[in-house]
Amino acid sequence: MSPGDLLPEALTTLTEGNVPDEVFAQTRAQFSEEELVKLTLAIVAINGANRINVAFRTVPGSYQPAIRRAAE
C-alpha cells in the first residue's frame, strides 16, 4: 500500500488513538506539509460525508440535484 492509501485507513479507524508512527513517517516522507494538511482535510471531509450518509441511510446513487429556475 502507498502512503496515500495508508493515511485514510489510519485516520478513519484510529483504533490506537493516533495514526501509527510508521504510517505518519511514510506519509510525511511522501508529501509536503501543505500537501499533508490538504490530504488530511480531504480525508476528514469524505469520512464525515460518509458517516452522515450512513446515519441517514442514504442509498448510493439516489441523489438527484434540484433543478434551478432562471432568475426572472
N, C-alpha and C. Protein backbone atom coordinates (compact mmCIF):
# COMPACT_ATOMS: atom_id res chain seq x y z
N MET A 1 0.84 -1.18 0.00
CA MET A 1 0.00 0.00 0.00
C MET A 1 0.88 1.24 0.00
N SER A 2 0.45 2.26 -0.73
CA SER A 2 1.22 3.50 -0.76
C SER A 2 0.87 4.36 0.45
N PRO A 3 1.73 5.32 0.80
CA PRO A 3 1.42 6.20 1.93
C PRO A 3 0.08 6.93 1.76
N GLY A 4 -0.26 7.28 0.52
CA GLY A 4 -1.54 7.94 0.27
C GLY A 4 -2.73 7.05 0.57
N ASP A 5 -2.52 5.74 0.57
CA ASP A 5 -3.58 4.79 0.90
C ASP A 5 -3.59 4.45 2.39
N LEU A 6 -2.44 4.50 3.02
CA LEU A 6 -2.35 4.13 4.44
C LEU A 6 -2.97 5.19 5.35
N LEU A 7 -2.78 6.46 5.02
CA LEU A 7 -3.28 7.53 5.88
C LEU A 7 -4.79 7.53 5.99
N PRO A 8 -5.55 7.43 4.88
CA PRO A 8 -7.01 7.41 5.03
C PRO A 8 -7.50 6.27 5.92
N GLU A 9 -6.92 5.12 5.77
CA GLU A 9 -7.31 3.97 6.60
C GLU A 9 -7.00 4.25 8.06
N ALA A 10 -5.81 4.78 8.33
CA ALA A 10 -5.41 5.07 9.71
C ALA A 10 -6.29 6.15 10.33
N LEU A 11 -6.65 7.19 9.55
CA LEU A 11 -7.46 8.27 10.09
C LEU A 11 -8.90 7.86 10.35
N THR A 12 -9.43 6.96 9.54
CA THR A 12 -10.83 6.59 9.70
C THR A 12 -11.04 5.52 10.76
N THR A 13 -10.01 4.77 11.10
CA THR A 13 -10.19 3.74 12.13
C THR A 13 -9.70 4.19 13.50
N LEU A 14 -8.53 4.77 13.58
CA LEU A 14 -7.94 5.27 14.84
C LEU A 14 -8.12 4.32 16.01
N THR A 15 -7.88 3.06 15.79
CA THR A 15 -8.03 2.08 16.86
C THR A 15 -7.00 2.26 17.97
N GLU A 16 -5.86 2.84 17.63
CA GLU A 16 -4.81 3.04 18.63
C GLU A 16 -4.85 4.44 19.23
N GLY A 17 -5.81 5.26 18.82
CA GLY A 17 -5.91 6.62 19.33
C GLY A 17 -5.12 7.62 18.51
N ASN A 18 -4.13 7.17 17.77
CA ASN A 18 -3.32 8.02 16.91
C ASN A 18 -3.03 7.30 15.61
N VAL A 19 -2.62 8.06 14.62
CA VAL A 19 -2.11 7.44 13.40
C VAL A 19 -0.79 6.77 13.80
N PRO A 20 -0.60 5.50 13.46
CA PRO A 20 0.65 4.83 13.82
C PRO A 20 1.87 5.60 13.31
N ASP A 21 2.93 5.60 14.11
CA ASP A 21 4.15 6.34 13.76
C ASP A 21 4.68 5.96 12.39
N GLU A 22 4.65 4.68 12.07
CA GLU A 22 5.17 4.20 10.78
C GLU A 22 4.36 4.79 9.61
N VAL A 23 3.04 4.82 9.76
CA VAL A 23 2.18 5.39 8.71
C VAL A 23 2.46 6.88 8.57
N PHE A 24 2.57 7.58 9.69
CA PHE A 24 2.85 9.02 9.64
C PHE A 24 4.19 9.28 8.98
N ALA A 25 5.20 8.52 9.35
CA ALA A 25 6.55 8.72 8.79
C ALA A 25 6.55 8.47 7.28
N GLN A 26 5.90 7.42 6.84
CA GLN A 26 5.84 7.12 5.40
C GLN A 26 5.09 8.20 4.64
N THR A 27 3.99 8.66 5.22
CA THR A 27 3.18 9.68 4.57
C THR A 27 3.94 11.00 4.54
N ARG A 28 4.58 11.35 5.63
CA ARG A 28 5.33 12.61 5.73
C ARG A 28 6.49 12.63 4.75
N ALA A 29 7.08 11.47 4.49
CA ALA A 29 8.18 11.38 3.53
C ALA A 29 7.69 11.58 2.09
N GLN A 30 6.45 11.27 1.84
CA GLN A 30 5.87 11.34 0.50
C GLN A 30 5.28 12.72 0.17
N PHE A 31 4.75 13.41 1.18
CA PHE A 31 4.02 14.67 0.96
C PHE A 31 4.66 15.82 1.72
N SER A 32 4.54 17.02 1.15
CA SER A 32 4.99 18.22 1.86
C SER A 32 4.00 18.49 2.99
N GLU A 33 4.35 19.43 3.86
CA GLU A 33 3.45 19.77 4.97
C GLU A 33 2.10 20.28 4.44
N GLU A 34 2.15 21.15 3.42
CA GLU A 34 0.92 21.68 2.84
C GLU A 34 0.08 20.57 2.20
N GLU A 35 0.73 19.67 1.48
CA GLU A 35 0.00 18.55 0.87
C GLU A 35 -0.60 17.64 1.93
N LEU A 36 0.14 17.42 3.01
CA LEU A 36 -0.35 16.57 4.09
C LEU A 36 -1.58 17.18 4.76
N VAL A 37 -1.57 18.48 4.95
CA VAL A 37 -2.74 19.17 5.53
C VAL A 37 -3.94 19.03 4.59
N LYS A 38 -3.73 19.29 3.30
CA LYS A 38 -4.82 19.19 2.33
C LYS A 38 -5.35 17.76 2.23
N LEU A 39 -4.45 16.80 2.22
CA LEU A 39 -4.86 15.39 2.16
C LEU A 39 -5.67 15.02 3.40
N THR A 40 -5.21 15.44 4.57
CA THR A 40 -5.91 15.14 5.82
C THR A 40 -7.30 15.76 5.82
N LEU A 41 -7.42 17.01 5.40
CA LEU A 41 -8.73 17.67 5.36
C LEU A 41 -9.67 17.00 4.36
N ALA A 42 -9.13 16.56 3.24
CA ALA A 42 -9.96 15.84 2.26
C ALA A 42 -10.46 14.52 2.85
N ILE A 43 -9.60 13.81 3.54
CA ILE A 43 -9.99 12.54 4.17
C ILE A 43 -11.07 12.78 5.21
N VAL A 44 -10.90 13.81 6.03
CA VAL A 44 -11.88 14.14 7.08
C VAL A 44 -13.23 14.50 6.45
N ALA A 45 -13.21 15.29 5.38
CA ALA A 45 -14.46 15.69 4.71
C ALA A 45 -15.18 14.49 4.12
N ILE A 46 -14.45 13.63 3.43
CA ILE A 46 -15.07 12.44 2.82
C ILE A 46 -15.59 11.50 3.90
N ASN A 47 -14.80 11.29 4.94
CA ASN A 47 -15.23 10.42 6.03
C ASN A 47 -16.48 10.97 6.72
N GLY A 48 -16.51 12.28 6.93
CA GLY A 48 -17.68 12.90 7.55
C GLY A 48 -18.92 12.74 6.68
N ALA A 49 -18.77 12.98 5.38
CA ALA A 49 -19.91 12.81 4.46
C ALA A 49 -20.39 11.37 4.45
N ASN A 50 -19.46 10.44 4.47
CA ASN A 50 -19.83 9.02 4.50
C ASN A 50 -20.60 8.68 5.77
N ARG A 51 -20.17 9.20 6.89
CA ARG A 51 -20.86 8.92 8.16
C ARG A 51 -22.26 9.53 8.19
N ILE A 52 -22.42 10.72 7.61
CA ILE A 52 -23.75 11.33 7.51
C ILE A 52 -24.65 10.46 6.64
N ASN A 53 -24.12 9.99 5.51
CA ASN A 53 -24.91 9.13 4.63
C ASN A 53 -25.30 7.82 5.31
N VAL A 54 -24.42 7.28 6.11
CA VAL A 54 -24.74 6.06 6.85
C VAL A 54 -25.85 6.35 7.87
N ALA A 55 -25.72 7.48 8.58
CA ALA A 55 -26.71 7.83 9.60
C ALA A 55 -28.10 8.02 9.00
N PHE A 56 -28.16 8.60 7.80
CA PHE A 56 -29.44 8.86 7.15
C PHE A 56 -29.86 7.75 6.19
N ARG A 57 -29.07 6.68 6.18
CA ARG A 57 -29.35 5.51 5.33
C ARG A 57 -29.56 5.90 3.87
N THR A 58 -28.71 6.76 3.41
CA THR A 58 -28.77 7.21 2.02
C THR A 58 -28.41 6.05 1.10
N VAL A 59 -29.21 5.85 0.08
CA VAL A 59 -28.94 4.80 -0.89
C VAL A 59 -27.94 5.35 -1.91
N PRO A 60 -26.79 4.69 -2.09
CA PRO A 60 -25.81 5.19 -3.05
C PRO A 60 -26.43 5.37 -4.44
N GLY A 61 -26.13 6.50 -5.04
CA GLY A 61 -26.62 6.79 -6.38
C GLY A 61 -28.02 7.37 -6.42
N SER A 62 -28.63 7.60 -5.26
CA SER A 62 -30.01 8.09 -5.24
C SER A 62 -30.13 9.62 -5.26
N TYR A 63 -29.01 10.33 -5.11
CA TYR A 63 -29.07 11.78 -5.05
C TYR A 63 -29.46 12.36 -6.41
N GLN A 64 -30.41 13.25 -6.41
CA GLN A 64 -30.84 13.96 -7.61
C GLN A 64 -30.81 15.45 -7.29
N PRO A 65 -29.91 16.20 -7.93
CA PRO A 65 -29.85 17.64 -7.64
C PRO A 65 -31.13 18.34 -8.06
N ALA A 66 -31.48 19.38 -7.34
CA ALA A 66 -32.68 20.17 -7.66
C ALA A 66 -32.43 20.94 -8.96
N ILE A 67 -33.48 21.10 -9.71
CA ILE A 67 -33.40 21.88 -10.94
C ILE A 67 -33.60 23.34 -10.60
N ARG A 68 -32.65 24.15 -10.98
CA ARG A 68 -32.74 25.59 -10.68
C ARG A 68 -33.48 26.29 -11.81
N ARG A 69 -34.31 27.20 -11.42
CA ARG A 69 -35.01 28.02 -12.40
C ARG A 69 -34.22 29.29 -12.62
N ALA A 70 -34.24 29.77 -13.83
CA ALA A 70 -33.54 31.02 -14.15
C ALA A 70 -34.22 32.18 -13.44
N ALA A 71 -33.42 33.13 -13.00
CA ALA A 71 -33.97 34.32 -12.34
C ALA A 71 -34.79 35.12 -13.34
N GLU A 72 -35.93 35.54 -12.89
CA GLU A 72 -36.82 36.30 -13.80
C GLU A 72 -36.65 37.78 -13.62
